[in-house]
């Protein structure tokens, strides 16, 4: 229990996959990880939504994971392994275990929403957790799955499984409802999936967050978590307001393209998203920079 609580506490970056001329730029990924390793981030989510995992071939996904394996240092690594059918998810999750990563983060299947109810999801996750050695994290991201999410009651039931240890929840109302229902005695940890509500969720019992803004402002995100742990709530609320406003203007307005543009501004190598996604315009990139400056995170 202590191990999971320690490893699943703090701020995690859902690391982007850089591209050059629509090809995976592994050297740029390595550059970003080396810089992020110098921060107090607890770890990373590889092959998540910000990592554009749906736009990567199986071979490219393995190449990306090889870079994470080489550059992870002392960081905790969660790897997105969710597929549309259970068997393939198990196979990908076993690879995560073989490569020495810490957790398999399993996004909900969503292609057959009329047939995927709580019972189907419960069976899906239990079968995965029973079949692999690496611990499983549930992952709700209804914005990317056509509204599909794991019902709260199903999460409560799955939280009692010995190999299902936590959850990333990116639905705005999800973490609060879930945290109110969970048994504090269970070794199950909820990570907020957005800077918009990470700080309020910490007060409700969340153990941290996996937030896209940490790709380009890792230190302020970590400082927010530190302020919370030190009960410096007035300072924390002020910093949360600035991070939340910026997150809505960048990730909220532009998605991964906006995050990558902000990374370029902040000294990382974000680059462009992969087609068919479009990069932000030059004028929009200037606007993103103005917003980062106006919130006080970089100077003119």
C-alpha atoms as a PDB file:
ATOM      1  CA  UNK A   1       0.000   0.000   0.000  1.00  0.00           C
ATOM      2  CA  UNK A   2       2.753   2.426   0.887  1.00  0.00           C
ATOM      3  CA  UNK A   3       4.434   1.802  -2.440  1.00  0.00           C
ATOM      4  CA  UNK A   4       1.358   2.674  -4.493  1.00  0.00           C
ATOM      5  CA  UNK A   5       0.593   5.746  -2.384  1.00  0.00           C
ATOM      6  CA  UNK A   6       4.114   7.057  -2.852  1.00  0.00           C
ATOM      7  CA  UNK A   7       4.370   6.280  -6.542  1.00  0.00           C
ATOM      8  CA  UNK A   8       0.927   7.611  -7.446  1.00  0.00           C
ATOM      9  CA  UNK A   9       1.229  10.943  -5.635  1.00  0.00           C
ATOM     10  CA  UNK A  10       2.172  14.240  -7.247  1.00  0.00           C
ATOM     11  CA  UNK A  11       2.112  15.688 -10.742  1.00  0.00           C
ATOM     12  CA  UNK A  12       2.602  13.635 -13.897  1.00  0.00           C
ATOM     13  CA  UNK A  13       3.071  14.900 -17.457  1.00  0.00           C
ATOM     14  CA  UNK A  14       1.176  13.143 -20.270  1.00  0.00           C
ATOM     15  CA  UNK A  15       4.179  13.448 -22.562  1.00  0.00           C
ATOM     16  CA  UNK A  16       3.652  14.471 -26.193  1.00  0.00           C
ATOM     17  CA  UNK A  17       5.118  12.635 -29.172  1.00  0.00           C
ATOM     18  CA  UNK A  18       7.105  15.106 -31.308  1.00  0.00           C
ATOM     19  CA  UNK A  19       6.987  14.847 -35.107  1.00  0.00           C
ATOM     20  CA  UNK A  20       9.105  16.266 -37.916  1.00  0.00           C
ATOM     21  CA  UNK A  21       7.683  16.153 -41.432  1.00  0.00           C
ATOM     22  CA  UNK A  22       5.017  13.820 -40.031  1.00  0.00           C
ATOM     23  CA  UNK A  23       7.644  11.326 -38.803  1.00  0.00           C
ATOM     24  CA  UNK A  24       8.248  10.513 -35.138  1.00  0.00           C
ATOM     25  CA  UNK A  25      11.124  12.655 -33.840  1.00  0.00           C
ATOM     26  CA  UNK A  26      12.688  10.385 -31.225  1.00  0.00           C
ATOM     27  CA  UNK A  27      15.612  12.736 -30.580  1.00  0.00           C
ATOM     28  CA  UNK A  28      13.173  15.531 -29.734  1.00  0.00           C
ATOM     29  CA  UNK A  29      11.319  13.202 -27.362  1.00  0.00           C
ATOM     30  CA  UNK A  30      14.627  12.357 -25.711  1.00  0.00           C
ATOM     31  CA  UNK A  31      15.425  16.075 -25.386  1.00  0.00           C
ATOM     32  CA  UNK A  32      12.087  16.750 -23.704  1.00  0.00           C
ATOM     33  CA  UNK A  33      12.441  13.857 -21.262  1.00  0.00           C
ATOM     34  CA  UNK A  34      15.930  14.956 -20.255  1.00  0.00           C
ATOM     35  CA  UNK A  35      14.575  18.431 -19.435  1.00  0.00           C
ATOM     36  CA  UNK A  36      11.537  17.074 -17.622  1.00  0.00           C
ATOM     37  CA  UNK A  37      13.775  14.734 -15.608  1.00  0.00           C
ATOM     38  CA  UNK A  38      15.355  17.816 -14.042  1.00  0.00           C
ATOM     39  CA  UNK A  39      12.033  18.837 -12.473  1.00  0.00           C
ATOM     40  CA  UNK A  40      10.073  17.542  -9.484  1.00  0.00           C
ATOM     41  CA  UNK A  41       7.492  15.787 -11.648  1.00  0.00           C
ATOM     42  CA  UNK A  42       6.549  12.431 -10.133  1.00  0.00           C
ATOM     43  CA  UNK A  43       6.536  10.801 -13.551  1.00  0.00           C
ATOM     44  CA  UNK A  44       5.011  10.523 -16.976  1.00  0.00           C
ATOM     45  CA  UNK A  45       2.158   9.023 -18.940  1.00  0.00           C
ATOM     46  CA  UNK A  46       3.517   7.601 -22.181  1.00  0.00           C
ATOM     47  CA  UNK A  47       1.230   6.909 -25.152  1.00  0.00           C
ATOM     48  CA  UNK A  48      -1.677   8.887 -23.774  1.00  0.00           C
ATOM     49  CA  UNK A  49      -3.977  11.266 -25.620  1.00  0.00           C
ATOM     50  CA  UNK A  50      -1.361  14.030 -25.621  1.00  0.00           C
ATOM     51  CA  UNK A  51       1.068  11.430 -26.933  1.00  0.00           C
ATOM     52  CA  UNK A  52      -1.238  10.990 -29.952  1.00  0.00           C
ATOM     53  CA  UNK A  53      -1.082   7.232 -29.468  1.00  0.00           C
ATOM     54  CA  UNK A  54      -3.940   6.644 -31.905  1.00  0.00           C
ATOM     55  CA  UNK A  55      -1.772   8.224 -34.611  1.00  0.00           C
ATOM     56  CA  UNK A  56       1.184   5.894 -34.028  1.00  0.00           C
ATOM     57  CA  UNK A  57       1.780   2.496 -35.589  1.00  0.00           C
ATOM     58  CA  UNK A  58       2.551  -0.434 -33.281  1.00  0.00           C
ATOM     59  CA  UNK A  59       6.221  -0.210 -34.312  1.00  0.00           C
ATOM     60  CA  UNK A  60       6.321   3.514 -33.562  1.00  0.00           C
ATOM     61  CA  UNK A  61       4.739   2.969 -30.170  1.00  0.00           C
ATOM     62  CA  UNK A  62       7.503   0.525 -29.270  1.00  0.00           C
ATOM     63  CA  UNK A  63      10.146   2.999 -30.486  1.00  0.00           C
ATOM     64  CA  UNK A  64       8.633   5.695 -28.281  1.00  0.00           C
ATOM     65  CA  UNK A  65       8.624   3.347 -25.285  1.00  0.00           C
ATOM     66  CA  UNK A  66      12.253   2.450 -25.875  1.00  0.00           C
ATOM     67  CA  UNK A  67      13.156   6.124 -25.453  1.00  0.00           C
ATOM     68  CA  UNK A  68      11.143   6.292 -22.229  1.00  0.00           C
ATOM     69  CA  UNK A  69      12.919   3.177 -20.958  1.00  0.00           C
ATOM     70  CA  UNK A  70      16.311   4.753 -21.659  1.00  0.00           C
ATOM     71  CA  UNK A  71      15.493   8.189 -20.235  1.00  0.00           C
ATOM     72  CA  UNK A  72      13.074   7.580 -17.377  1.00  0.00           C
ATOM     73  CA  UNK A  73      15.626   8.043 -14.591  1.00  0.00           C
ATOM     74  CA  UNK A  74      13.832   7.796 -11.251  1.00  0.00           C
ATOM     75  CA  UNK A  75      10.437   8.828 -12.645  1.00  0.00           C
ATOM     76  CA  UNK A  76       7.311   6.686 -12.460  1.00  0.00           C
ATOM     77  CA  UNK A  77       6.089   5.661 -15.915  1.00  0.00           C
ATOM     78  CA  UNK A  78       2.492   4.898 -16.790  1.00  0.00           C
ATOM     79  CA  UNK A  79       1.903   3.568 -20.292  1.00  0.00           C
ATOM     80  CA  UNK A  80      -1.351   3.774 -22.200  1.00  0.00           C
ATOM     81  CA  UNK A  81      -2.278   0.273 -23.358  1.00  0.00           C
ATOM     82  CA  UNK A  82      -6.025   0.535 -23.964  1.00  0.00           C
ATOM     83  CA  UNK A  83      -7.306  -1.111 -27.151  1.00  0.00           C
ATOM     84  CA  UNK A  84     -10.755  -1.908 -28.451  1.00  0.00           C
ATOM     85  CA  UNK A  85     -10.617  -5.551 -27.429  1.00  0.00           C
ATOM     86  CA  UNK A  86      -9.445  -7.180 -24.255  1.00  0.00           C
ATOM     87  CA  UNK A  87      -6.916  -9.630 -25.652  1.00  0.00           C
ATOM     88  CA  UNK A  88      -4.934  -6.944 -27.488  1.00  0.00           C
ATOM     89  CA  UNK A  89      -4.919  -4.758 -24.384  1.00  0.00           C
ATOM     90  CA  UNK A  90      -3.485  -7.663 -22.397  1.00  0.00           C
ATOM     91  CA  UNK A  91      -0.747  -8.219 -24.987  1.00  0.00           C
ATOM     92  CA  UNK A  92       0.253  -4.551 -24.940  1.00  0.00           C
ATOM     93  CA  UNK A  93       0.170  -4.476 -21.155  1.00  0.00           C
ATOM     94  CA  UNK A  94       2.469  -7.497 -20.971  1.00  0.00           C
ATOM     95  CA  UNK A  95       4.960  -5.606 -23.141  1.00  0.00           C
ATOM     96  CA  UNK A  96       4.810  -2.734 -20.643  1.00  0.00           C
ATOM     97  CA  UNK A  97       5.728  -5.184 -17.900  1.00  0.00           C
ATOM     98  CA  UNK A  98       8.568  -6.696 -19.947  1.00  0.00           C
ATOM     99  CA  UNK A  99      10.033  -3.233 -20.589  1.00  0.00           C
ATOM    100  CA  UNK A 100      10.116  -2.467 -16.881  1.00  0.00           C
ATOM    101  CA  UNK A 101       7.480   0.250 -16.654  1.00  0.00           C
ATOM    102  CA  UNK A 102       5.370   0.832 -13.556  1.00  0.00           C
ATOM    103  CA  UNK A 103       1.718   0.887 -14.605  1.00  0.00           C
ATOM    104  CA  UNK A 104      -0.581   0.064 -17.508  1.00  0.00           C
ATOM    105  CA  UNK A 105      -3.090   2.887 -18.005  1.00  0.00           C
ATOM    106  CA  UNK A 106      -6.133   1.396 -19.734  1.00  0.00           C
ATOM    107  CA  UNK A 107      -8.496   3.704 -21.597  1.00  0.00           C
ATOM    108  CA  UNK A 108     -12.086   2.541 -22.009  1.00  0.00           C
ATOM    109  CA  UNK A 109     -13.002   0.791 -25.267  1.00  0.00           C
ATOM    110  CA  UNK A 110     -15.621   2.868 -27.057  1.00  0.00           C
ATOM    111  CA  UNK A 111     -16.331   1.676 -30.607  1.00  0.00           C
ATOM    112  CA  UNK A 112     -19.478  -0.259 -29.600  1.00  0.00           C
ATOM    113  CA  UNK A 113     -20.951   2.103 -26.989  1.00  0.00           C
ATOM    114  CA  UNK A 114     -24.434   0.530 -26.961  1.00  0.00           C
ATOM    115  CA  UNK A 115     -22.960  -2.805 -25.901  1.00  0.00           C
ATOM    116  CA  UNK A 116     -20.298  -1.512 -23.507  1.00  0.00           C
ATOM    117  CA  UNK A 117     -22.039  -1.034 -20.166  1.00  0.00           C
ATOM    118  CA  UNK A 118     -20.710  -1.192 -16.618  1.00  0.00           C
ATOM    119  CA  UNK A 119     -20.811  -4.979 -16.510  1.00  0.00           C
ATOM    120  CA  UNK A 120     -18.871  -5.268 -19.780  1.00  0.00           C
ATOM    121  CA  UNK A 121     -16.262  -2.787 -18.565  1.00  0.00           C
ATOM    122  CA  UNK A 122     -15.956  -4.578 -15.224  1.00  0.00           C
ATOM    123  CA  UNK A 123     -15.270  -7.858 -16.995  1.00  0.00           C
ATOM    124  CA  UNK A 124     -12.845  -6.164 -19.388  1.00  0.00           C
ATOM    125  CA  UNK A 125     -10.737  -4.617 -16.628  1.00  0.00           C
ATOM    126  CA  UNK A 126     -10.832  -7.659 -14.363  1.00  0.00           C
ATOM    127  CA  UNK A 127      -9.650  -9.917 -17.151  1.00  0.00           C
ATOM    128  CA  UNK A 128      -6.765  -7.548 -17.948  1.00  0.00           C
ATOM    129  CA  UNK A 129      -5.769  -7.197 -14.293  1.00  0.00           C
ATOM    130  CA  UNK A 130      -5.893 -10.981 -13.782  1.00  0.00           C
ATOM    131  CA  UNK A 131      -3.667 -11.603 -16.815  1.00  0.00           C
ATOM    132  CA  UNK A 132      -0.721  -9.269 -16.237  1.00  0.00           C
ATOM    133  CA  UNK A 133       1.872  -8.594 -13.558  1.00  0.00           C
ATOM    134  CA  UNK A 134       2.050  -4.820 -13.939  1.00  0.00           C
ATOM    135  CA  UNK A 135      -0.563  -2.872 -11.888  1.00  0.00           C
ATOM    136  CA  UNK A 136      -3.529  -1.431 -13.784  1.00  0.00           C
ATOM    137  CA  UNK A 137      -4.801   2.142 -13.788  1.00  0.00           C
ATOM    138  CA  UNK A 138      -8.315   2.796 -15.068  1.00  0.00           C
ATOM    139  CA  UNK A 139      -8.622   5.734 -17.456  1.00  0.00           C
ATOM    140  CA  UNK A 140     -11.729   7.829 -18.075  1.00  0.00           C
ATOM    141  CA  UNK A 141     -11.405  10.289 -20.969  1.00  0.00           C
ATOM    142  CA  UNK A 142     -14.934  10.840 -22.319  1.00  0.00           C
ATOM    143  CA  UNK A 143     -13.771  13.749 -24.468  1.00  0.00           C
ATOM    144  CA  UNK A 144     -11.762  11.274 -26.547  1.00  0.00           C
ATOM    145  CA  UNK A 145     -14.127   8.296 -26.392  1.00  0.00           C
ATOM    146  CA  UNK A 146     -17.418   9.771 -27.566  1.00  0.00           C
ATOM    147  CA  UNK A 147     -18.643  10.146 -23.983  1.00  0.00           C
ATOM    148  CA  UNK A 148     -17.775   6.604 -22.890  1.00  0.00           C
ATOM    149  CA  UNK A 149     -16.773   6.403 -19.237  1.00  0.00           C
ATOM    150  CA  UNK A 150     -16.649   3.835 -16.469  1.00  0.00           C
ATOM    151  CA  UNK A 151     -19.686   4.214 -14.189  1.00  0.00           C
ATOM    152  CA  UNK A 152     -18.810   5.283 -10.646  1.00  0.00           C
ATOM    153  CA  UNK A 153     -20.283   2.109  -9.131  1.00  0.00           C
ATOM    154  CA  UNK A 154     -18.181  -0.005 -11.484  1.00  0.00           C
ATOM    155  CA  UNK A 155     -15.040   1.887 -10.456  1.00  0.00           C
ATOM    156  CA  UNK A 156     -15.904   1.307  -6.789  1.00  0.00           C
ATOM    157  CA  UNK A 157     -16.196  -2.423  -7.464  1.00  0.00           C
ATOM    158  CA  UNK A 158     -12.964  -2.523  -9.483  1.00  0.00           C
ATOM    159  CA  UNK A 159     -11.109  -0.597  -6.773  1.00  0.00           C
ATOM    160  CA  UNK A 160     -11.290  -3.733  -4.631  1.00  0.00           C
ATOM    161  CA  UNK A 161      -9.281  -5.777  -7.157  1.00  0.00           C
ATOM    162  CA  UNK A 162      -5.756  -6.383  -5.935  1.00  0.00           C
ATOM    163  CA  UNK A 163      -4.115  -5.426  -9.233  1.00  0.00           C
ATOM    164  CA  UNK A 164      -6.224  -2.350 -10.040  1.00  0.00           C
ATOM    165  CA  UNK A 165      -4.560   0.380  -8.038  1.00  0.00           C
ATOM    166  CA  UNK A 166      -5.836   3.705  -9.308  1.00  0.00           C
ATOM    167  CA  UNK A 167      -7.422   5.819 -11.985  1.00  0.00           C
ATOM    168  CA  UNK A 168      -6.850   8.838 -14.147  1.00  0.00           C
ATOM    169  CA  UNK A 169     -10.151  10.654 -14.586  1.00  0.00           C
ATOM    170  CA  UNK A 170     -10.328  13.420 -17.189  1.00  0.00           C
ATOM    171  CA  UNK A 171     -14.074  14.018 -16.939  1.00  0.00           C
ATOM    172  CA  UNK A 172     -14.672  17.361 -15.161  1.00  0.00           C
ATOM    173  CA  UNK A 173     -17.317  16.006 -12.793  1.00  0.00           C
ATOM    174  CA  UNK A 174     -15.893  12.497 -12.473  1.00  0.00           C
ATOM    175  CA  UNK A 175     -13.195  12.741  -9.797  1.00  0.00           C
ATOM    176  CA  UNK A 176     -15.411  14.521  -7.272  1.00  0.00           C
ATOM    177  CA  UNK A 177     -18.227  11.979  -7.590  1.00  0.00           C
ATOM    178  CA  UNK A 178     -15.806   9.086  -7.452  1.00  0.00           C
ATOM    179  CA  UNK A 179     -13.815  10.324  -4.466  1.00  0.00           C
ATOM    180  CA  UNK A 180     -17.032  10.678  -2.480  1.00  0.00           C
ATOM    181  CA  UNK A 181     -17.789   6.985  -3.015  1.00  0.00           C
ATOM    182  CA  UNK A 182     -14.419   5.326  -2.553  1.00  0.00           C
ATOM    183  CA  UNK A 183     -13.459   3.463   0.599  1.00  0.00           C
ATOM    184  CA  UNK A 184     -10.438   5.270   2.097  1.00  0.00           C
ATOM    185  CA  UNK A 185      -9.162   1.895   3.312  1.00  0.00           C
ATOM    186  CA  UNK A 186      -8.658   0.675  -0.262  1.00  0.00           C
ATOM    187  CA  UNK A 187      -5.229   1.172  -1.828  1.00  0.00           C
ATOM    188  CA  UNK A 188      -6.751   3.022  -4.775  1.00  0.00           C
ATOM    189  CA  UNK A 189      -5.591   6.432  -5.923  1.00  0.00           C
ATOM    190  CA  UNK A 190      -7.391   8.944  -8.124  1.00  0.00           C
ATOM    191  CA  UNK A 191      -5.403  11.247 -10.404  1.00  0.00           C
ATOM    192  CA  UNK A 192      -7.183  14.276 -11.849  1.00  0.00           C
ATOM    193  CA  UNK A 193      -6.824  14.490 -15.619  1.00  0.00           C
ATOM    194  CA  UNK A 194      -6.804  18.264 -16.049  1.00  0.00           C
ATOM    195  CA  UNK A 195      -5.213  21.336 -14.489  1.00  0.00           C
ATOM    196  CA  UNK A 196      -8.709  22.849 -14.531  1.00  0.00           C
ATOM    197  CA  UNK A 197      -9.715  20.724 -11.544  1.00  0.00           C
ATOM    198  CA  UNK A 198      -6.567  19.089 -10.161  1.00  0.00           C
ATOM    199  CA  UNK A 199      -6.252  21.487  -7.226  1.00  0.00           C
ATOM    200  CA  UNK A 200      -9.896  21.228  -6.046  1.00  0.00           C
ATOM    201  CA  UNK A 201      -9.653  17.450  -6.372  1.00  0.00           C
ATOM    202  CA  UNK A 202      -6.602  17.379  -4.098  1.00  0.00           C
ATOM    203  CA  UNK A 203      -8.827  18.781  -1.342  1.00  0.00           C
ATOM    204  CA  UNK A 204     -11.324  15.986  -2.005  1.00  0.00           C
ATOM    205  CA  UNK A 205      -8.737  13.235  -1.691  1.00  0.00           C
ATOM    206  CA  UNK A 206      -7.080  12.922  -5.100  1.00  0.00           C
ATOM    207  CA  UNK A 207      -3.424  11.923  -4.860  1.00  0.00           C
ATOM    208  CA  UNK A 208      -2.267  14.111  -7.757  1.00  0.00           C
ATOM    209  CA  UNK A 209      -2.865  14.810 -11.407  1.00  0.00           C
ATOM    210  CA  UNK A 210      -1.858  13.947 -14.955  1.00  0.00           C
ATOM    211  CA  UNK A 211      -2.050  17.353 -16.608  1.00  0.00           C
ATOM    212  CA  UNK A 212      -1.112  18.433 -20.130  1.00  0.00           C
ATOM    213  CA  UNK A 213       0.160  21.837 -19.012  1.00  0.00           C
ATOM    214  CA  UNK A 214       2.998  20.027 -17.198  1.00  0.00           C
ATOM    215  CA  UNK A 215       4.556  19.437 -20.618  1.00  0.00           C
ATOM    216  CA  UNK A 216       5.567  23.092 -20.796  1.00  0.00           C
ATOM    217  CA  UNK A 217       5.186  24.402 -17.225  1.00  0.00           C
ATOM    218  CA  UNK A 218       6.280  21.443 -15.102  1.00  0.00           C
ATOM    219  CA  UNK A 219       7.760  23.490 -12.256  1.00  0.00           C
ATOM    220  CA  UNK A 220       4.674  25.661 -11.546  1.00  0.00           C
ATOM    221  CA  UNK A 221       2.508  22.526 -11.616  1.00  0.00           C
ATOM    222  CA  UNK A 222       4.789  20.811  -9.114  1.00  0.00           C
ATOM    223  CA  UNK A 223       4.851  23.940  -6.972  1.00  0.00           C
ATOM    224  CA  UNK A 224       1.061  23.938  -6.840  1.00  0.00           C
ATOM    225  CA  UNK A 225       1.147  20.403  -5.463  1.00  0.00           C
ATOM    226  CA  UNK A 226       3.833  21.429  -2.960  1.00  0.00           C
ATOM    227  CA  UNK A 227       1.738  24.392  -1.776  1.00  0.00           C
ATOM    228  CA  UNK A 228      -1.175  22.035  -1.186  1.00  0.00           C
ATOM    229  CA  UNK A 229       0.924  19.566   0.816  1.00  0.00           C
ATOM    230  CA  UNK A 230       2.235  22.453   2.936  1.00  0.00           C
ATOM    231  CA  UNK A 231      -1.332  23.755   3.529  1.00  0.00           C
ATOM    232  CA  UNK A 232      -0.465  27.116   1.925  1.00  0.00           C
ATOM    233  CA  UNK A 233      -3.933  27.303   0.449  1.00  0.00           C
ATOM    234  CA  UNK A 234      -4.161  31.017  -0.366  1.00  0.00           C
ATOM    235  CA  UNK A 235      -1.030  30.833  -2.489  1.00  0.00           C
ATOM    236  CA  UNK A 236      -2.212  27.580  -4.012  1.00  0.00           C
ATOM    237  CA  UNK A 237      -5.576  29.050  -5.052  1.00  0.00           C
ATOM    238  CA  UNK A 238      -3.884  31.972  -6.749  1.00  0.00           C
ATOM    239  CA  UNK A 239      -1.488  29.717  -8.667  1.00  0.00           C
ATOM    240  CA  UNK A 240      -4.309  27.326  -9.541  1.00  0.00           C
ATOM    241  CA  UNK A 241      -6.260  30.219 -11.046  1.00  0.00           C
ATOM    242  CA  UNK A 242      -3.382  31.204 -13.302  1.00  0.00           C
ATOM    243  CA  UNK A 243      -2.650  27.631 -14.400  1.00  0.00           C
ATOM    244  CA  UNK A 244      -6.322  26.876 -14.982  1.00  0.00           C
ATOM    245  CA  UNK A 245      -6.902  29.989 -17.097  1.00  0.00           C
ATOM    246  CA  UNK A 246      -3.833  29.221 -19.177  1.00  0.00           C
ATOM    247  CA  UNK A 247      -4.795  25.588 -19.554  1.00  0.00           C
ATOM    248  CA  UNK A 248      -8.194  26.570 -20.921  1.00  0.00           C
ATOM    249  CA  UNK A 249      -6.566  28.968 -23.394  1.00  0.00           C
ATOM    250  CA  UNK A 250      -4.023  26.402 -24.606  1.00  0.00           C
ATOM    251  CA  UNK A 251      -5.139  22.800 -24.238  1.00  0.00           C
ATOM    252  CA  UNK A 252      -8.809  23.665 -23.918  1.00  0.00           C
ATOM    253  CA  UNK A 253      -8.842  25.752 -27.086  1.00  0.00           C
ATOM    254  CA  UNK A 254      -6.295  23.897 -29.222  1.00  0.00           C
ATOM    255  CA  UNK A 255      -5.767  20.440 -27.768  1.00  0.00           C
ATOM    256  CA  UNK A 256      -2.404  18.806 -28.340  1.00  0.00           C
ATOM    257  CA  UNK A 257      -1.525  21.331 -31.065  1.00  0.00           C
ATOM    258  CA  UNK A 258      -1.752  24.122 -28.503  1.00  0.00           C
ATOM    259  CA  UNK A 259       0.294  22.173 -25.966  1.00  0.00           C
ATOM    260  CA  UNK A 260       3.013  21.638 -28.564  1.00  0.00           C
ATOM    261  CA  UNK A 261       3.050  25.310 -29.523  1.00  0.00           C
ATOM    262  CA  UNK A 262       3.376  26.256 -25.847  1.00  0.00           C
ATOM    263  CA  UNK A 263       6.231  23.770 -25.467  1.00  0.00           C
ATOM    264  CA  UNK A 264       8.131  25.434 -28.306  1.00  0.00           C
ATOM    265  CA  UNK A 265       7.633  28.782 -26.581  1.00  0.00           C
ATOM    266  CA  UNK A 266       8.844  27.406 -23.239  1.00  0.00           C
ATOM    267  CA  UNK A 267      12.048  25.864 -24.616  1.00  0.00           C
ATOM    268  CA  UNK A 268      10.902  22.307 -25.226  1.00  0.00           C
ATOM    269  CA  UNK A 269      10.523  20.612 -28.608  1.00  0.00           C
ATOM    270  CA  UNK A 270       6.816  20.272 -29.234  1.00  0.00           C
ATOM    271  CA  UNK A 271       6.647  20.660 -32.985  1.00  0.00           C
ATOM    272  CA  UNK A 272       3.493  19.934 -34.925  1.00  0.00           C
ATOM    273  CA  UNK A 273       0.783  17.361 -34.364  1.00  0.00           C
ATOM    274  CA  UNK A 274       0.441  14.497 -36.799  1.00  0.00           C
ATOM    275  CA  UNK A 275      -1.922  14.812 -39.724  1.00  0.00           C
ATOM    276  CA  UNK A 276      -4.861  15.139 -39.993  1.00  0.00           C
ATOM    277  CA  UNK A 277      -4.491  17.362 -36.928  1.00  0.00           C
ATOM    278  CA  UNK A 278      -3.464  20.893 -37.825  1.00  0.00           C
ATOM    279  CA  UNK A 279      -0.869  22.994 -36.015  1.00  0.00           C
ATOM    280  CA  UNK A 280      -1.878  26.312 -34.498  1.00  0.00           C
ATOM    281  CA  UNK A 281      -1.492  29.314 -36.777  1.00  0.00           C
ATOM    282  CA  UNK A 282       1.381  31.749 -36.330  1.00  0.00           C
ATOM    283  CA  UNK A 283      -1.012  34.349 -34.975  1.00  0.00           C
ATOM    284  CA  UNK A 284      -2.500  31.850 -32.507  1.00  0.00           C
ATOM    285  CA  UNK A 285       0.985  30.860 -31.354  1.00  0.00           C
ATOM    286  CA  UNK A 286       1.683  34.536 -30.662  1.00  0.00           C
ATOM    287  CA  UNK A 287      -1.562  34.707 -28.712  1.00  0.00           C
ATOM    288  CA  UNK A 288      -0.549  31.663 -26.654  1.00  0.00           C
ATOM    289  CA  UNK A 289       2.743  33.337 -25.859  1.00  0.00           C
ATOM    290  CA  UNK A 290       0.930  36.515 -24.782  1.00  0.00           C
ATOM    291  CA  UNK A 291      -1.265  34.474 -22.450  1.00  0.00           C
ATOM    292  CA  UNK A 292       1.735  32.693 -20.890  1.00  0.00           C
ATOM    293  CA  UNK A 293       3.366  36.100 -20.359  1.00  0.00           C
ATOM    294  CA  UNK A 294       0.212  37.699 -18.973  1.00  0.00           C
ATOM    295  CA  UNK A 295      -0.167  34.933 -16.385  1.00  0.00           C
ATOM    296  CA  UNK A 296       3.407  35.603 -15.262  1.00  0.00           C
ATOM    297  CA  UNK A 297       5.070  32.340 -16.244  1.00  0.00           C
ATOM    298  CA  UNK A 298       7.559  33.784 -18.735  1.00  0.00           C
ATOM    299  CA  UNK A 299       8.790  37.314 -19.399  1.00  0.00           C
ATOM    300  CA  UNK A 300       8.496  39.267 -22.641  1.00  0.00           C
END
